[in-house]
Each structure stands twice: as C-alpha cells, then as structure tokens.
PDB file of all heavy atoms in Angstrom:
ATOM      1  N   ASP A   1      -9.784   3.176   6.070  1.00  0.00           N
ATOM      2  CA  ASP A   1     -10.429   3.607   4.901  1.00  0.00           C
ATOM      3  C   ASP A   1     -10.557   2.468   3.956  1.00  0.00           C
ATOM      4  O   ASP A   1      -9.678   2.120   3.161  1.00  0.00           O
ATOM      5  CB  ASP A   1      -9.492   4.719   4.225  1.00  0.00           C
ATOM      6  CG  ASP A   1     -10.115   5.311   2.977  1.00  0.00           C
ATOM      7  OD1 ASP A   1     -11.360   5.279   2.861  1.00  0.00           O
ATOM      8  OD2 ASP A   1      -9.400   5.809   2.129  1.00  0.00           O
ATOM      9  N   PRO A   2     -11.719   1.748   4.077  1.00  0.00           N
ATOM     10  CA  PRO A   2     -11.905   0.541   3.229  1.00  0.00           C
ATOM     11  C   PRO A   2     -11.804   0.836   1.738  1.00  0.00           C
ATOM     12  O   PRO A   2     -12.383   1.816   1.283  1.00  0.00           O
ATOM     13  CB  PRO A   2     -13.320   0.062   3.573  1.00  0.00           C
ATOM     14  CG  PRO A   2     -13.654   0.723   4.885  1.00  0.00           C
ATOM     15  CD  PRO A   2     -12.822   1.983   4.932  1.00  0.00           C
ATOM     16  N   ALA A   3     -11.038   0.037   1.038  1.00  0.00           N
ATOM     17  CA  ALA A   3     -10.825   0.221  -0.407  1.00  0.00           C
ATOM     18  C   ALA A   3     -10.479  -1.087  -1.032  1.00  0.00           C
ATOM     19  O   ALA A   3     -10.266  -2.128  -0.339  1.00  0.00           O
ATOM     20  CB  ALA A   3      -9.755   1.233  -0.629  1.00  0.00           C
ATOM     21  N   SER A   4     -10.337  -1.121  -2.345  1.00  0.00           N
ATOM     22  CA  SER A   4      -9.949  -2.328  -3.018  1.00  0.00           C
ATOM     23  C   SER A   4      -8.498  -2.650  -2.790  1.00  0.00           C
ATOM     24  O   SER A   4      -7.785  -1.884  -2.198  1.00  0.00           O
ATOM     25  CB  SER A   4     -10.192  -2.155  -4.558  1.00  0.00           C
ATOM     26  OG  SER A   4      -9.309  -1.131  -5.072  1.00  0.00           O
ATOM     27  N   ARG A   5      -8.113  -3.867  -3.234  1.00  0.00           N
ATOM     28  CA  ARG A   5      -6.750  -4.279  -3.069  1.00  0.00           C
ATOM     29  C   ARG A   5      -5.769  -3.338  -3.757  1.00  0.00           C
ATOM     30  O   ARG A   5      -4.721  -2.998  -3.205  1.00  0.00           O
ATOM     31  CB  ARG A   5      -6.531  -5.697  -3.610  1.00  0.00           C
ATOM     32  CG  ARG A   5      -7.204  -6.751  -2.774  1.00  0.00           C
ATOM     33  CD  ARG A   5      -6.958  -8.128  -3.387  1.00  0.00           C
ATOM     34  NE  ARG A   5      -7.372  -8.272  -4.739  1.00  0.00           N
ATOM     35  CZ  ARG A   5      -8.487  -8.769  -5.161  1.00  0.00           C
ATOM     36  NH1 ARG A   5      -9.415  -9.185  -4.283  1.00  0.00           N
ATOM     37  NH2 ARG A   5      -8.768  -8.905  -6.421  1.00  0.00           N
ATOM     38  N   LEU A   6      -6.095  -2.987  -5.013  1.00  0.00           N
ATOM     39  CA  LEU A   6      -5.238  -2.083  -5.759  1.00  0.00           C
ATOM     40  C   LEU A   6      -5.185  -0.697  -5.091  1.00  0.00           C
ATOM     41  O   LEU A   6      -4.074  -0.144  -4.973  1.00  0.00           O
ATOM     42  CB  LEU A   6      -5.717  -1.975  -7.167  1.00  0.00           C
ATOM     43  CG  LEU A   6      -4.853  -1.110  -8.147  1.00  0.00           C
ATOM     44  CD1 LEU A   6      -3.440  -1.625  -8.183  1.00  0.00           C
ATOM     45  CD2 LEU A   6      -5.447  -1.047  -9.505  1.00  0.00           C
ATOM     46  N   ALA A   7      -6.263  -0.175  -4.647  1.00  0.00           N
ATOM     47  CA  ALA A   7      -6.262   1.097  -3.939  1.00  0.00           C
ATOM     48  C   ALA A   7      -5.500   1.048  -2.659  1.00  0.00           C
ATOM     49  O   ALA A   7      -4.781   1.983  -2.289  1.00  0.00           O
ATOM     50  CB  ALA A   7      -7.697   1.607  -3.694  1.00  0.00           C
ATOM     51  N   THR A   8      -5.585  -0.042  -1.930  1.00  0.00           N
ATOM     52  CA  THR A   8      -4.814  -0.234  -0.699  1.00  0.00           C
ATOM     53  C   THR A   8      -3.326  -0.267  -1.015  1.00  0.00           C
ATOM     54  O   THR A   8      -2.506   0.297  -0.336  1.00  0.00           O
ATOM     55  CB  THR A   8      -5.262  -1.529   0.009  1.00  0.00           C
ATOM     56  OG1 THR A   8      -6.682  -1.364   0.305  1.00  0.00           O
ATOM     57  CG2 THR A   8      -4.504  -1.684   1.320  1.00  0.00           C
ATOM     58  N   ALA A   9      -2.988  -1.027  -2.054  1.00  0.00           N
ATOM     59  CA  ALA A   9      -1.577  -1.088  -2.438  1.00  0.00           C
ATOM     60  C   ALA A   9      -1.035   0.333  -2.830  1.00  0.00           C
ATOM     61  O   ALA A   9       0.096   0.675  -2.396  1.00  0.00           O
ATOM     62  CB  ALA A   9      -1.401  -2.014  -3.647  1.00  0.00           C
ATOM     63  N   ARG A  10      -1.807   1.091  -3.491  1.00  0.00           N
ATOM     64  CA  ARG A  10      -1.398   2.448  -3.835  1.00  0.00           C
ATOM     65  C   ARG A  10      -1.307   3.345  -2.591  1.00  0.00           C
ATOM     66  O   ARG A  10      -0.439   4.164  -2.490  1.00  0.00           O
ATOM     67  CB  ARG A  10      -2.350   3.075  -4.796  1.00  0.00           C
ATOM     68  CG  ARG A  10      -2.193   2.468  -6.183  1.00  0.00           C
ATOM     69  CD  ARG A  10      -3.125   3.128  -7.187  1.00  0.00           C
ATOM     70  NE  ARG A  10      -2.986   2.546  -8.478  1.00  0.00           N
ATOM     71  CZ  ARG A  10      -3.907   2.525  -9.418  1.00  0.00           C
ATOM     72  NH1 ARG A  10      -5.073   3.110  -9.177  1.00  0.00           N
ATOM     73  NH2 ARG A  10      -3.714   1.970 -10.612  1.00  0.00           N
ATOM     74  N   ALA A  11      -2.152   3.144  -1.676  1.00  0.00           N
ATOM     75  CA  ALA A  11      -2.175   3.926  -0.427  1.00  0.00           C
ATOM     76  C   ALA A  11      -1.008   3.605   0.478  1.00  0.00           C
ATOM     77  O   ALA A  11      -0.611   4.405   1.262  1.00  0.00           O
ATOM     78  CB  ALA A  11      -3.536   3.736   0.297  1.00  0.00           C
ATOM     79  N   LEU A  12      -0.442   2.409   0.309  1.00  0.00           N
ATOM     80  CA  LEU A  12       0.672   1.975   1.141  1.00  0.00           C
ATOM     81  C   LEU A  12       2.045   2.335   0.471  1.00  0.00           C
ATOM     82  O   LEU A  12       3.045   2.464   1.186  1.00  0.00           O
ATOM     83  CB  LEU A  12       0.627   0.434   1.324  1.00  0.00           C
ATOM     84  CG  LEU A  12      -0.493  -0.037   2.210  1.00  0.00           C
ATOM     85  CD1 LEU A  12      -0.475  -1.599   2.222  1.00  0.00           C
ATOM     86  CD2 LEU A  12      -0.464   0.476   3.604  1.00  0.00           C
ATOM     87  N   SER A  13       2.030   2.554  -0.820  1.00  0.00           N
ATOM     88  CA  SER A  13       3.324   2.869  -1.518  1.00  0.00           C
ATOM     89  C   SER A  13       3.711   4.294  -1.214  1.00  0.00           C
ATOM     90  O   SER A  13       2.878   5.193  -1.203  1.00  0.00           O
ATOM     91  CB  SER A  13       3.160   2.670  -3.054  1.00  0.00           C
ATOM     92  OG  SER A  13       2.984   1.327  -3.332  1.00  0.00           O
ATOM     93  N   PRO A  14       4.999   4.532  -1.046  1.00  0.00           N
ATOM     94  CA  PRO A  14       5.482   5.884  -0.646  1.00  0.00           C
ATOM     95  C   PRO A  14       5.155   6.978  -1.669  1.00  0.00           C
ATOM     96  O   PRO A  14       4.856   8.125  -1.268  1.00  0.00           O
ATOM     97  CB  PRO A  14       7.013   5.697  -0.474  1.00  0.00           C
ATOM     98  CG  PRO A  14       7.257   4.328  -0.617  1.00  0.00           C
ATOM     99  CD  PRO A  14       6.114   3.596  -1.081  1.00  0.00           C
ATOM    100  N   GLU A  15       5.210   6.667  -2.923  1.00  0.00           N
ATOM    101  CA  GLU A  15       4.951   7.698  -3.951  1.00  0.00           C
ATOM    102  C   GLU A  15       3.503   8.168  -4.018  1.00  0.00           C
ATOM    103  O   GLU A  15       3.258   9.321  -4.324  1.00  0.00           O
ATOM    104  CB  GLU A  15       5.362   7.154  -5.348  1.00  0.00           C
ATOM    105  CG  GLU A  15       6.867   6.912  -5.468  1.00  0.00           C
ATOM    106  CD  GLU A  15       7.617   8.182  -5.415  1.00  0.00           C
ATOM    107  OE1 GLU A  15       7.171   9.193  -5.974  1.00  0.00           O
ATOM    108  OE2 GLU A  15       8.653   8.219  -4.738  1.00  0.00           O
ATOM    109  N   THR A  16       2.567   7.295  -3.690  1.00  0.00           N
ATOM    110  CA  THR A  16       1.163   7.670  -3.755  1.00  0.00           C
ATOM    111  C   THR A  16       0.458   7.489  -2.443  1.00  0.00           C
ATOM    112  O   THR A  16      -0.749   7.434  -2.386  1.00  0.00           O
ATOM    113  CB  THR A  16       0.412   6.697  -4.797  1.00  0.00           C
ATOM    114  OG1 THR A  16       0.708   5.360  -4.473  1.00  0.00           O
ATOM    115  CG2 THR A  16       1.002   6.959  -6.229  1.00  0.00           C
ATOM    116  N   ALA A  17       1.255   7.455  -1.355  1.00  0.00           N
ATOM    117  CA  ALA A  17       0.583   7.225  -0.019  1.00  0.00           C
ATOM    118  C   ALA A  17      -0.349   8.372   0.391  1.00  0.00           C
ATOM    119  O   ALA A  17      -0.125   9.556   0.064  1.00  0.00           O
ATOM    120  CB  ALA A  17       1.744   7.077   1.027  1.00  0.00           C
ATOM    121  N   SER A  18      -1.390   7.981   1.109  1.00  0.00           N
ATOM    122  CA  SER A  18      -2.313   8.923   1.603  1.00  0.00           C
ATOM    123  C   SER A  18      -2.189   9.136   3.155  1.00  0.00           C
ATOM    124  O   SER A  18      -2.656  10.034   3.743  1.00  0.00           O
ATOM    125  CB  SER A  18      -3.758   8.562   1.294  1.00  0.00           C
ATOM    126  OG  SER A  18      -4.043   7.311   1.799  1.00  0.00           O
ATOM    127  N   THR A  19      -1.505   8.175   3.776  1.00  0.00           N
ATOM    128  CA  THR A  19      -1.137   8.268   5.254  1.00  0.00           C
ATOM    129  C   THR A  19       0.194   7.729   5.510  1.00  0.00           C
ATOM    130  O   THR A  19       0.912   7.282   4.523  1.00  0.00           O
ATOM    131  CB  THR A  19      -2.171   7.399   6.075  1.00  0.00           C
ATOM    132  OG1 THR A  19      -1.984   6.020   5.713  1.00  0.00           O
ATOM    133  CG2 THR A  19      -3.556   7.804   5.845  1.00  0.00           C
ATOM    134  N   SER A  20       0.652   7.674   6.709  1.00  0.00           N
ATOM    135  CA  SER A  20       1.935   7.142   7.063  1.00  0.00           C
ATOM    136  C   SER A  20       1.968   5.655   7.235  1.00  0.00           C
ATOM    137  O   SER A  20       2.974   5.096   7.701  1.00  0.00           O
ATOM    138  CB  SER A  20       2.459   7.887   8.357  1.00  0.00           C
ATOM    139  OG  SER A  20       1.582   7.514   9.431  1.00  0.00           O
ATOM    140  N   LEU A  21       0.875   4.997   6.910  1.00  0.00           N
ATOM    141  CA  LEU A  21       0.744   3.575   7.200  1.00  0.00           C
ATOM    142  C   LEU A  21       1.804   2.729   6.503  1.00  0.00           C
ATOM    143  O   LEU A  21       2.291   1.708   7.113  1.00  0.00           O
ATOM    144  CB  LEU A  21      -0.641   3.094   6.756  1.00  0.00           C
ATOM    145  CG  LEU A  21      -0.941   1.643   6.980  1.00  0.00           C
ATOM    146  CD1 LEU A  21      -0.802   1.252   8.442  1.00  0.00           C
ATOM    147  CD2 LEU A  21      -2.384   1.297   6.531  1.00  0.00           C
ATOM    148  N   GLY A  22       2.206   3.074   5.309  1.00  0.00           N
ATOM    149  CA  GLY A  22       3.231   2.247   4.620  1.00  0.00           C
ATOM    150  C   GLY A  22       4.594   2.519   5.155  1.00  0.00           C
ATOM    151  O   GLY A  22       5.500   1.630   5.090  1.00  0.00           O
ATOM    152  N   THR A  23       4.881   3.714   5.714  1.00  0.00           N
ATOM    153  CA  THR A  23       6.219   4.012   6.202  1.00  0.00           C
ATOM    154  C   THR A  23       6.474   3.508   7.613  1.00  0.00           C
ATOM    155  O   THR A  23       7.673   3.241   7.949  1.00  0.00           O
ATOM    156  CB  THR A  23       6.464   5.512   6.113  1.00  0.00           C
ATOM    157  OG1 THR A  23       5.516   6.146   6.979  1.00  0.00           O
ATOM    158  CG2 THR A  23       6.376   6.041   4.736  1.00  0.00           C
ATOM    159  N   VAL A  24       5.441   3.335   8.442  1.00  0.00           N
ATOM    160  CA  VAL A  24       5.626   2.907   9.821  1.00  0.00           C
ATOM    161  C   VAL A  24       6.302   1.531   9.891  1.00  0.00           C
ATOM    162  O   VAL A  24       7.308   1.326  10.565  1.00  0.00           O
ATOM    163  CB  VAL A  24       4.349   2.971  10.604  1.00  0.00           C
ATOM    164  CG1 VAL A  24       4.509   2.304  11.991  1.00  0.00           C
ATOM    165  CG2 VAL A  24       3.860   4.420  10.778  1.00  0.00           C
ATOM    166  N   PRO A  25       5.738   0.475   9.204  1.00  0.00           N
ATOM    167  CA  PRO A  25       6.482  -0.791   9.172  1.00  0.00           C
ATOM    168  C   PRO A  25       7.581  -0.873   8.128  1.00  0.00           C
ATOM    169  O   PRO A  25       8.250  -1.883   8.073  1.00  0.00           O
ATOM    170  CB  PRO A  25       5.359  -1.762   8.821  1.00  0.00           C
ATOM    171  CG  PRO A  25       4.325  -1.057   8.061  1.00  0.00           C
ATOM    172  CD  PRO A  25       4.458   0.387   8.528  1.00  0.00           C
ATOM    173  N   GLY A  26       7.807   0.127   7.393  1.00  0.00           N
ATOM    174  CA  GLY A  26       8.890   0.211   6.382  1.00  0.00           C
ATOM    175  C   GLY A  26       8.609  -0.699   5.187  1.00  0.00           C
ATOM    176  O   GLY A  26       9.492  -1.444   4.736  1.00  0.00           O
ATOM    177  N   LEU A  27       7.418  -0.639   4.672  1.00  0.00           N
ATOM    178  CA  LEU A  27       7.030  -1.499   3.510  1.00  0.00           C
ATOM    179  C   LEU A  27       7.684  -1.120   2.226  1.00  0.00           C
ATOM    180  O   LEU A  27       8.005  -1.978   1.392  1.00  0.00           O
ATOM    181  CB  LEU A  27       5.489  -1.516   3.348  1.00  0.00           C
ATOM    182  CG  LEU A  27       4.716  -2.148   4.487  1.00  0.00           C
ATOM    183  CD1 LEU A  27       3.239  -1.995   4.258  1.00  0.00           C
ATOM    184  CD2 LEU A  27       5.118  -3.605   4.632  1.00  0.00           C
ATOM    185  N   GLY A  28       7.913   0.122   2.006  1.00  0.00           N
ATOM    186  CA  GLY A  28       8.443   0.532   0.685  1.00  0.00           C
ATOM    187  C   GLY A  28       7.361   0.437  -0.351  1.00  0.00           C
ATOM    188  O   GLY A  28       6.227   0.613  -0.109  1.00  0.00           O
ATOM    189  N   GLU A  29       7.818   0.158  -1.611  1.00  0.00           N
ATOM    190  CA  GLU A  29       6.912   0.067  -2.753  1.00  0.00           C
ATOM    191  C   GLU A  29       6.042  -1.214  -2.640  1.00  0.00           C
ATOM    192  O   GLU A  29       6.529  -2.315  -2.356  1.00  0.00           O
ATOM    193  CB  GLU A  29       7.694   0.015  -4.048  1.00  0.00           C
ATOM    194  CG  GLU A  29       6.870   0.187  -5.246  1.00  0.00           C
ATOM    195  CD  GLU A  29       6.243   1.544  -5.391  1.00  0.00           C
ATOM    196  OE1 GLU A  29       6.840   2.493  -4.910  1.00  0.00           O
ATOM    197  OE2 GLU A  29       5.109   1.594  -5.975  1.00  0.00           O
ATOM    198  N   VAL A  30       4.698  -1.062  -2.733  1.00  0.00           N
ATOM    199  CA  VAL A  30       3.762  -2.165  -2.646  1.00  0.00           C
ATOM    200  C   VAL A  30       3.012  -2.244  -3.978  1.00  0.00           C
ATOM    201  O   VAL A  30       2.494  -1.250  -4.469  1.00  0.00           O
ATOM    202  CB  VAL A  30       2.786  -1.989  -1.475  1.00  0.00           C
ATOM    203  CG1 VAL A  30       1.796  -3.116  -1.418  1.00  0.00           C
ATOM    204  CG2 VAL A  30       3.521  -1.881  -0.176  1.00  0.00           C
ATOM    205  N   THR A  31       2.934  -3.428  -4.568  1.00  0.00           N
ATOM    206  CA  THR A  31       2.193  -3.586  -5.835  1.00  0.00           C
ATOM    207  C   THR A  31       0.883  -4.360  -5.627  1.00  0.00           C
ATOM    208  O   THR A  31       0.708  -4.997  -4.564  1.00  0.00           O
ATOM    209  CB  THR A  31       3.099  -4.382  -6.836  1.00  0.00           C
ATOM    210  OG1 THR A  31       3.333  -5.696  -6.316  1.00  0.00           O
ATOM    211  CG2 THR A  31       4.467  -3.647  -7.088  1.00  0.00           C
ATOM    212  N   GLY A  32       0.078  -4.301  -6.559  1.00  0.00           N
ATOM    213  CA  GLY A  32      -1.166  -5.046  -6.520  1.00  0.00           C
ATOM    214  C   GLY A  32      -0.946  -6.550  -6.530  1.00  0.00           C
ATOM    215  O   GLY A  32      -1.657  -7.311  -5.838  1.00  0.00           O
ATOM    216  N   ASN A  33       0.049  -7.086  -7.269  1.00  0.00           N
ATOM    217  CA  ASN A  33       0.389  -8.475  -7.238  1.00  0.00           C
ATOM    218  C   ASN A  33       0.867  -8.937  -5.893  1.00  0.00           C
ATOM    219  O   ASN A  33       0.607 -10.033  -5.471  1.00  0.00           O
ATOM    220  CB  ASN A  33       1.430  -8.793  -8.312  1.00  0.00           C
ATOM    221  CG  ASN A  33       0.850  -8.680  -9.703  1.00  0.00           C
ATOM    222  OD1 ASN A  33      -0.357  -8.774  -9.921  1.00  0.00           O
ATOM    223  ND2 ASN A  33       1.716  -8.514 -10.674  1.00  0.00           N
ATOM    224  N   GLU A  34       1.563  -8.028  -5.197  1.00  0.00           N
ATOM    225  CA  GLU A  34       2.053  -8.385  -3.831  1.00  0.00           C
ATOM    226  C   GLU A  34       0.856  -8.507  -2.881  1.00  0.00           C
ATOM    227  O   GLU A  34       0.892  -9.372  -1.994  1.00  0.00           O
ATOM    228  CB  GLU A  34       2.984  -7.275  -3.347  1.00  0.00           C
ATOM    229  CG  GLU A  34       4.259  -7.748  -2.730  1.00  0.00           C
ATOM    230  CD  GLU A  34       5.208  -6.650  -2.405  1.00  0.00           C
ATOM    231  OE1 GLU A  34       4.992  -5.491  -2.681  1.00  0.00           O
ATOM    232  OE2 GLU A  34       6.214  -6.998  -1.770  1.00  0.00           O
ATOM    233  N   MET A  35      -0.143  -7.661  -3.019  1.00  0.00           N
ATOM    234  CA  MET A  35      -1.332  -7.732  -2.194  1.00  0.00           C
ATOM    235  C   MET A  35      -2.100  -9.091  -2.500  1.00  0.00           C
ATOM    236  O   MET A  35      -2.506  -9.746  -1.528  1.00  0.00           O
ATOM    237  CB  MET A  35      -2.267  -6.578  -2.472  1.00  0.00           C
ATOM    238  CG  MET A  35      -1.734  -5.210  -2.027  1.00  0.00           C
ATOM    239  SD  MET A  35      -1.389  -5.156  -0.218  1.00  0.00           S
ATOM    240  CE  MET A  35      -3.093  -4.940   0.352  1.00  0.00           C
ATOM    241  N   LEU A  36      -2.124  -9.451  -3.718  1.00  0.00           N
ATOM    242  CA  LEU A  36      -2.717 -10.804  -4.058  1.00  0.00           C
ATOM    243  C   LEU A  36      -1.914 -11.946  -3.403  1.00  0.00           C
ATOM    244  O   LEU A  36      -2.490 -12.897  -2.902  1.00  0.00           O
ATOM    245  CB  LEU A  36      -2.860 -11.002  -5.588  1.00  0.00           C
ATOM    246  CG  LEU A  36      -3.858 -10.090  -6.227  1.00  0.00           C
ATOM    247  CD1 LEU A  36      -3.834 -10.209  -7.733  1.00  0.00           C
ATOM    248  CD2 LEU A  36      -5.299 -10.413  -5.765  1.00  0.00           C
ATOM    249  N   ALA A  37      -0.585 -11.838  -3.508  1.00  0.00           N
ATOM    250  CA  ALA A  37       0.248 -12.863  -2.893  1.00  0.00           C
ATOM    251  C   ALA A  37       0.074 -12.890  -1.384  1.00  0.00           C
ATOM    252  O   ALA A  37       0.045 -13.976  -0.766  1.00  0.00           O
ATOM    253  CB  ALA A  37       1.719 -12.658  -3.232  1.00  0.00           C
ATOM    254  N   MET A  38      -0.111 -11.742  -0.767  1.00  0.00           N
ATOM    255  CA  MET A  38      -0.342 -11.689   0.665  1.00  0.00           C
ATOM    256  C   MET A  38      -1.671 -12.384   1.029  1.00  0.00           C
ATOM    257  O   MET A  38      -1.781 -13.039   2.027  1.00  0.00           O
ATOM    258  CB  MET A  38      -0.371 -10.223   1.139  1.00  0.00           C
ATOM    259  CG  MET A  38      -0.612 -10.037   2.582  1.00  0.00           C
ATOM    260  SD  MET A  38      -2.341  -9.818   3.093  1.00  0.00           S
ATOM    261  CE  MET A  38      -2.823  -8.436   2.074  1.00  0.00           C
TER     262      MET A  38
END
C-alpha cells in the first residue's frame, strides 16, 4: 500500500496499524523521525 513516510510509520505502529506488518518483525512504536533516520 504505497503511502508517505508518515503514513507508513503510522501503519507500522501497533496503536494505528492497518496490517500485521509492524508486529511480524517486532518493531513496536515507529515514528516519522525514525523513518527519516532509516
């Protein structure tokens, strides 16, 4: 699901996740700044 960096960060965070993608590797909370650092 192509999206912006911020939308991707929100989709990976457990509180606002839209799929299990963030939980499979055990990422936990993901922020927009972390996506920029990545």
